[in-house]
Amino acid sequence: MVLTRNSGAKIDWHGDIHLFIDFYPPDRRRYDDDNLSSRLKSGRDGVADALGVDDKRFRAHPYLRDDVRPGGEVVLRIATTEILGVEVI
């Protein structure tokens, strides 16, 4: 499901917010996940703004995929501990 601010959907985000981030490189060059996470800073700020939360509540789980996607791609999945049903460390 895709939600936007304009949809009017209201979600009660409380507790930790987990960001599962899949990075798909644009080519076969070697990348490291901490540099990719840094590149996503403005995107994280945008997600926090769209959700109406402080980004200090985010718990990032980056994963650098081996699959090449033309132009590169970032896939972001968002969940709370309550939704997951387990504590993610």
N, C-alpha and C. Protein backbone atom coordinates (compact mmCIF):
# COMPACT_ATOMS: atom_id res chain seq x y z
N MET A 1 0.84 -1.17 0.00
CA MET A 1 0.00 0.00 0.00
C MET A 1 0.89 1.24 0.00
N VAL A 2 0.56 2.20 -0.81
CA VAL A 2 1.30 3.45 -0.88
C VAL A 2 0.43 4.54 -0.28
N LEU A 3 0.99 5.26 0.68
CA LEU A 3 0.28 6.37 1.30
C LEU A 3 1.00 7.67 1.02
N THR A 4 0.25 8.70 0.81
CA THR A 4 0.83 10.03 0.69
C THR A 4 0.12 10.95 1.66
N ARG A 5 0.73 12.09 1.92
CA ARG A 5 0.12 13.07 2.81
C ARG A 5 -1.25 13.49 2.28
N ASN A 6 -1.38 13.60 0.96
CA ASN A 6 -2.64 14.05 0.36
C ASN A 6 -3.75 13.02 0.45
N SER A 7 -3.42 11.78 0.78
CA SER A 7 -4.45 10.74 0.86
C SER A 7 -5.38 10.94 2.05
N GLY A 8 -4.88 11.71 3.05
CA GLY A 8 -5.68 11.92 4.24
C GLY A 8 -5.61 10.76 5.21
N ALA A 9 -4.84 9.74 4.88
CA ALA A 9 -4.70 8.57 5.77
C ALA A 9 -4.00 9.00 7.05
N LYS A 10 -4.50 8.55 8.17
CA LYS A 10 -3.89 8.87 9.46
C LYS A 10 -3.40 7.57 10.10
N ILE A 11 -2.13 7.53 10.39
CA ILE A 11 -1.55 6.37 11.05
C ILE A 11 -0.96 6.86 12.36
N ASP A 12 -1.25 6.17 13.43
CA ASP A 12 -0.72 6.54 14.74
C ASP A 12 0.65 5.90 14.88
N TRP A 13 1.67 6.61 14.43
CA TRP A 13 3.05 6.12 14.53
C TRP A 13 3.55 6.37 15.93
N HIS A 14 3.76 5.31 16.69
CA HIS A 14 4.33 5.45 18.02
C HIS A 14 5.42 4.40 18.20
N GLY A 15 6.35 4.67 19.07
CA GLY A 15 7.47 3.75 19.26
C GLY A 15 8.47 3.87 18.14
N ASP A 16 9.33 2.89 18.03
CA ASP A 16 10.34 2.88 16.98
C ASP A 16 9.68 2.67 15.62
N ILE A 17 10.26 3.30 14.61
CA ILE A 17 9.81 3.13 13.24
C ILE A 17 10.97 2.51 12.47
N HIS A 18 10.75 1.32 11.96
CA HIS A 18 11.80 0.58 11.27
C HIS A 18 11.76 0.87 9.78
N LEU A 19 12.92 1.24 9.24
CA LEU A 19 13.06 1.47 7.81
C LEU A 19 13.92 0.34 7.25
N PHE A 20 13.30 -0.52 6.48
CA PHE A 20 14.02 -1.59 5.80
C PHE A 20 14.36 -1.04 4.41
N ILE A 21 15.65 -0.81 4.18
CA ILE A 21 16.10 -0.10 2.99
C ILE A 21 16.90 -1.05 2.10
N ASP A 22 16.38 -1.31 0.91
CA ASP A 22 17.09 -2.14 -0.07
C ASP A 22 17.71 -1.21 -1.11
N PHE A 23 19.03 -1.26 -1.22
CA PHE A 23 19.76 -0.48 -2.21
C PHE A 23 20.10 -1.39 -3.38
N TYR A 24 19.66 -1.02 -4.58
CA TYR A 24 20.00 -1.75 -5.79
C TYR A 24 20.95 -0.88 -6.60
N PRO A 25 22.19 -1.32 -6.83
CA PRO A 25 23.16 -0.49 -7.52
C PRO A 25 22.84 -0.32 -9.00
N PRO A 26 23.32 0.80 -9.60
CA PRO A 26 23.09 1.03 -11.03
C PRO A 26 24.06 0.26 -11.92
N ASP A 27 25.13 -0.28 -11.32
CA ASP A 27 26.13 -1.01 -12.10
C ASP A 27 26.88 -1.97 -11.17
N ARG A 28 27.88 -2.63 -11.69
CA ARG A 28 28.60 -3.65 -10.93
C ARG A 28 29.72 -3.10 -10.05
N ARG A 29 29.90 -1.77 -10.02
CA ARG A 29 30.93 -1.22 -9.13
C ARG A 29 30.60 -1.57 -7.69
N ARG A 30 31.63 -1.56 -6.86
CA ARG A 30 31.44 -1.90 -5.44
C ARG A 30 30.98 -0.66 -4.67
N TYR A 31 29.94 -0.81 -3.88
CA TYR A 31 29.41 0.25 -3.04
C TYR A 31 29.42 -0.26 -1.60
N ASP A 32 29.47 0.66 -0.64
CA ASP A 32 29.31 0.20 0.74
C ASP A 32 28.07 0.85 1.33
N ASP A 33 27.41 0.11 2.22
CA ASP A 33 26.09 0.53 2.70
C ASP A 33 26.11 1.81 3.53
N ASP A 34 27.21 2.13 4.23
CA ASP A 34 27.18 3.35 5.03
C ASP A 34 27.21 4.59 4.16
N ASN A 35 27.91 4.56 3.03
CA ASN A 35 27.87 5.70 2.12
C ASN A 35 26.49 5.83 1.47
N LEU A 36 25.88 4.72 1.14
CA LEU A 36 24.54 4.76 0.55
C LEU A 36 23.53 5.29 1.55
N SER A 37 23.67 4.90 2.82
CA SER A 37 22.76 5.41 3.85
C SER A 37 22.91 6.92 3.98
N SER A 38 24.13 7.43 3.90
CA SER A 38 24.36 8.87 3.98
C SER A 38 23.71 9.60 2.81
N ARG A 39 23.76 9.01 1.64
CA ARG A 39 23.13 9.61 0.47
C ARG A 39 21.62 9.71 0.61
N LEU A 40 21.05 8.88 1.45
CA LEU A 40 19.59 8.83 1.61
C LEU A 40 19.09 9.80 2.68
N LYS A 41 19.97 10.57 3.30
CA LYS A 41 19.59 11.45 4.43
C LYS A 41 18.41 12.36 4.08
N SER A 42 18.47 13.03 2.95
CA SER A 42 17.36 13.94 2.60
C SER A 42 16.08 13.16 2.34
N GLY A 43 16.20 11.96 1.81
CA GLY A 43 15.02 11.11 1.61
C GLY A 43 14.39 10.70 2.93
N ARG A 44 15.23 10.36 3.92
CA ARG A 44 14.73 10.02 5.25
C ARG A 44 14.01 11.21 5.87
N ASP A 45 14.59 12.40 5.71
CA ASP A 45 13.95 13.61 6.23
C ASP A 45 12.59 13.82 5.57
N GLY A 46 12.51 13.55 4.28
CA GLY A 46 11.24 13.68 3.56
C GLY A 46 10.20 12.69 4.05
N VAL A 47 10.64 11.46 4.32
CA VAL A 47 9.72 10.44 4.84
C VAL A 47 9.22 10.85 6.22
N ALA A 48 10.13 11.32 7.07
CA ALA A 48 9.73 11.77 8.42
C ALA A 48 8.72 12.90 8.33
N ASP A 49 8.98 13.84 7.42
CA ASP A 49 8.05 14.97 7.24
C ASP A 49 6.69 14.48 6.76
N ALA A 50 6.69 13.56 5.79
CA ALA A 50 5.43 13.04 5.26
C ALA A 50 4.64 12.27 6.32
N LEU A 51 5.36 11.56 7.22
CA LEU A 51 4.69 10.81 8.28
C LEU A 51 4.32 11.68 9.47
N GLY A 52 4.94 12.88 9.53
CA GLY A 52 4.69 13.77 10.67
C GLY A 52 5.37 13.30 11.94
N VAL A 53 6.58 12.70 11.80
CA VAL A 53 7.31 12.19 12.95
C VAL A 53 8.74 12.75 12.94
N ASP A 54 9.41 12.63 14.08
CA ASP A 54 10.82 13.02 14.19
C ASP A 54 11.67 11.85 13.71
N ASP A 55 12.63 12.11 12.82
CA ASP A 55 13.41 11.01 12.26
C ASP A 55 14.35 10.34 13.26
N LYS A 56 14.46 10.88 14.46
CA LYS A 56 15.28 10.20 15.47
C LYS A 56 14.64 8.88 15.93
N ARG A 57 13.37 8.69 15.58
CA ARG A 57 12.67 7.45 15.93
C ARG A 57 12.93 6.33 14.92
N PHE A 58 13.56 6.67 13.79
CA PHE A 58 13.84 5.68 12.76
C PHE A 58 14.94 4.72 13.20
N ARG A 59 14.75 3.47 12.91
CA ARG A 59 15.76 2.43 13.09
C ARG A 59 16.00 1.85 11.70
N ALA A 60 17.15 2.18 11.11
CA ALA A 60 17.44 1.78 9.73
C ALA A 60 18.01 0.38 9.67
N HIS A 61 17.57 -0.36 8.67
CA HIS A 61 18.05 -1.70 8.39
C HIS A 61 18.44 -1.73 6.90
N PRO A 62 19.64 -1.20 6.57
CA PRO A 62 20.04 -1.15 5.17
C PRO A 62 20.52 -2.51 4.66
N TYR A 63 20.26 -2.76 3.40
CA TYR A 63 20.72 -3.99 2.77
C TYR A 63 21.15 -3.66 1.34
N LEU A 64 22.40 -3.89 1.03
CA LEU A 64 22.91 -3.65 -0.31
C LEU A 64 22.71 -4.90 -1.14
N ARG A 65 21.83 -4.80 -2.11
CA ARG A 65 21.50 -5.94 -2.97
C ARG A 65 22.55 -6.13 -4.05
N ASP A 66 22.65 -7.34 -4.55
CA ASP A 66 23.59 -7.64 -5.63
C ASP A 66 22.99 -7.36 -7.01
N ASP A 67 21.67 -7.37 -7.09
CA ASP A 67 20.99 -7.18 -8.38
C ASP A 67 21.21 -5.75 -8.88
N VAL A 68 21.63 -5.62 -10.13
CA VAL A 68 21.80 -4.31 -10.75
C VAL A 68 20.46 -3.88 -11.34
N ARG A 69 20.12 -2.61 -11.10
CA ARG A 69 18.91 -2.04 -11.70
C ARG A 69 19.32 -0.75 -12.41
N PRO A 70 18.97 -0.62 -13.68
CA PRO A 70 19.38 0.56 -14.45
C PRO A 70 19.03 1.85 -13.71
N GLY A 71 20.03 2.70 -13.53
CA GLY A 71 19.82 3.96 -12.81
C GLY A 71 19.88 3.80 -11.30
N GLY A 72 19.93 2.56 -10.82
CA GLY A 72 19.91 2.31 -9.37
C GLY A 72 18.50 2.45 -8.84
N GLU A 73 18.27 1.89 -7.67
CA GLU A 73 16.93 1.96 -7.07
C GLU A 73 17.04 1.78 -5.57
N VAL A 74 16.18 2.49 -4.86
CA VAL A 74 16.07 2.32 -3.41
C VAL A 74 14.63 1.92 -3.11
N VAL A 75 14.47 0.80 -2.39
CA VAL A 75 13.14 0.34 -2.00
C VAL A 75 13.08 0.46 -0.48
N LEU A 76 12.08 1.19 -0.02
CA LEU A 76 11.93 1.47 1.41
C LEU A 76 10.64 0.85 1.91
N ARG A 77 10.77 0.02 2.96
CA ARG A 77 9.59 -0.55 3.62
C ARG A 77 9.58 -0.02 5.04
N ILE A 78 8.42 0.40 5.51
CA ILE A 78 8.29 1.04 6.82
C ILE A 78 7.38 0.20 7.70
N ALA A 79 7.82 -0.01 8.94
CA ALA A 79 7.01 -0.78 9.89
C ALA A 79 7.31 -0.31 11.30
N THR A 80 6.39 -0.58 12.20
CA THR A 80 6.63 -0.33 13.62
C THR A 80 6.85 -1.67 14.30
N THR A 81 7.41 -1.64 15.49
CA THR A 81 7.59 -2.87 16.25
C THR A 81 6.25 -3.56 16.45
N GLU A 82 5.21 -2.76 16.68
CA GLU A 82 3.87 -3.31 16.88
C GLU A 82 3.38 -4.06 15.65
N ILE A 83 3.62 -3.51 14.47
CA ILE A 83 3.21 -4.16 13.22
C ILE A 83 4.00 -5.44 13.01
N LEU A 84 5.31 -5.38 13.30
CA LEU A 84 6.18 -6.54 13.10
C LEU A 84 5.85 -7.66 14.09
N GLY A 85 5.40 -7.28 15.28
CA GLY A 85 5.06 -8.27 16.28
C GLY A 85 6.27 -8.80 17.05
N VAL A 86 7.45 -8.30 16.69
CA VAL A 86 8.69 -8.69 17.37
C VAL A 86 9.58 -7.46 17.50
N GLU A 87 10.47 -7.51 18.45
CA GLU A 87 11.46 -6.44 18.61
C GLU A 87 12.59 -6.71 17.63
N VAL A 88 12.89 -5.74 16.79
CA VAL A 88 13.99 -5.87 15.83
C VAL A 88 15.18 -5.11 16.39
N ILE A 89 16.31 -5.79 16.47
CA ILE A 89 17.51 -5.17 17.06
C ILE A 89 18.51 -4.90 15.96
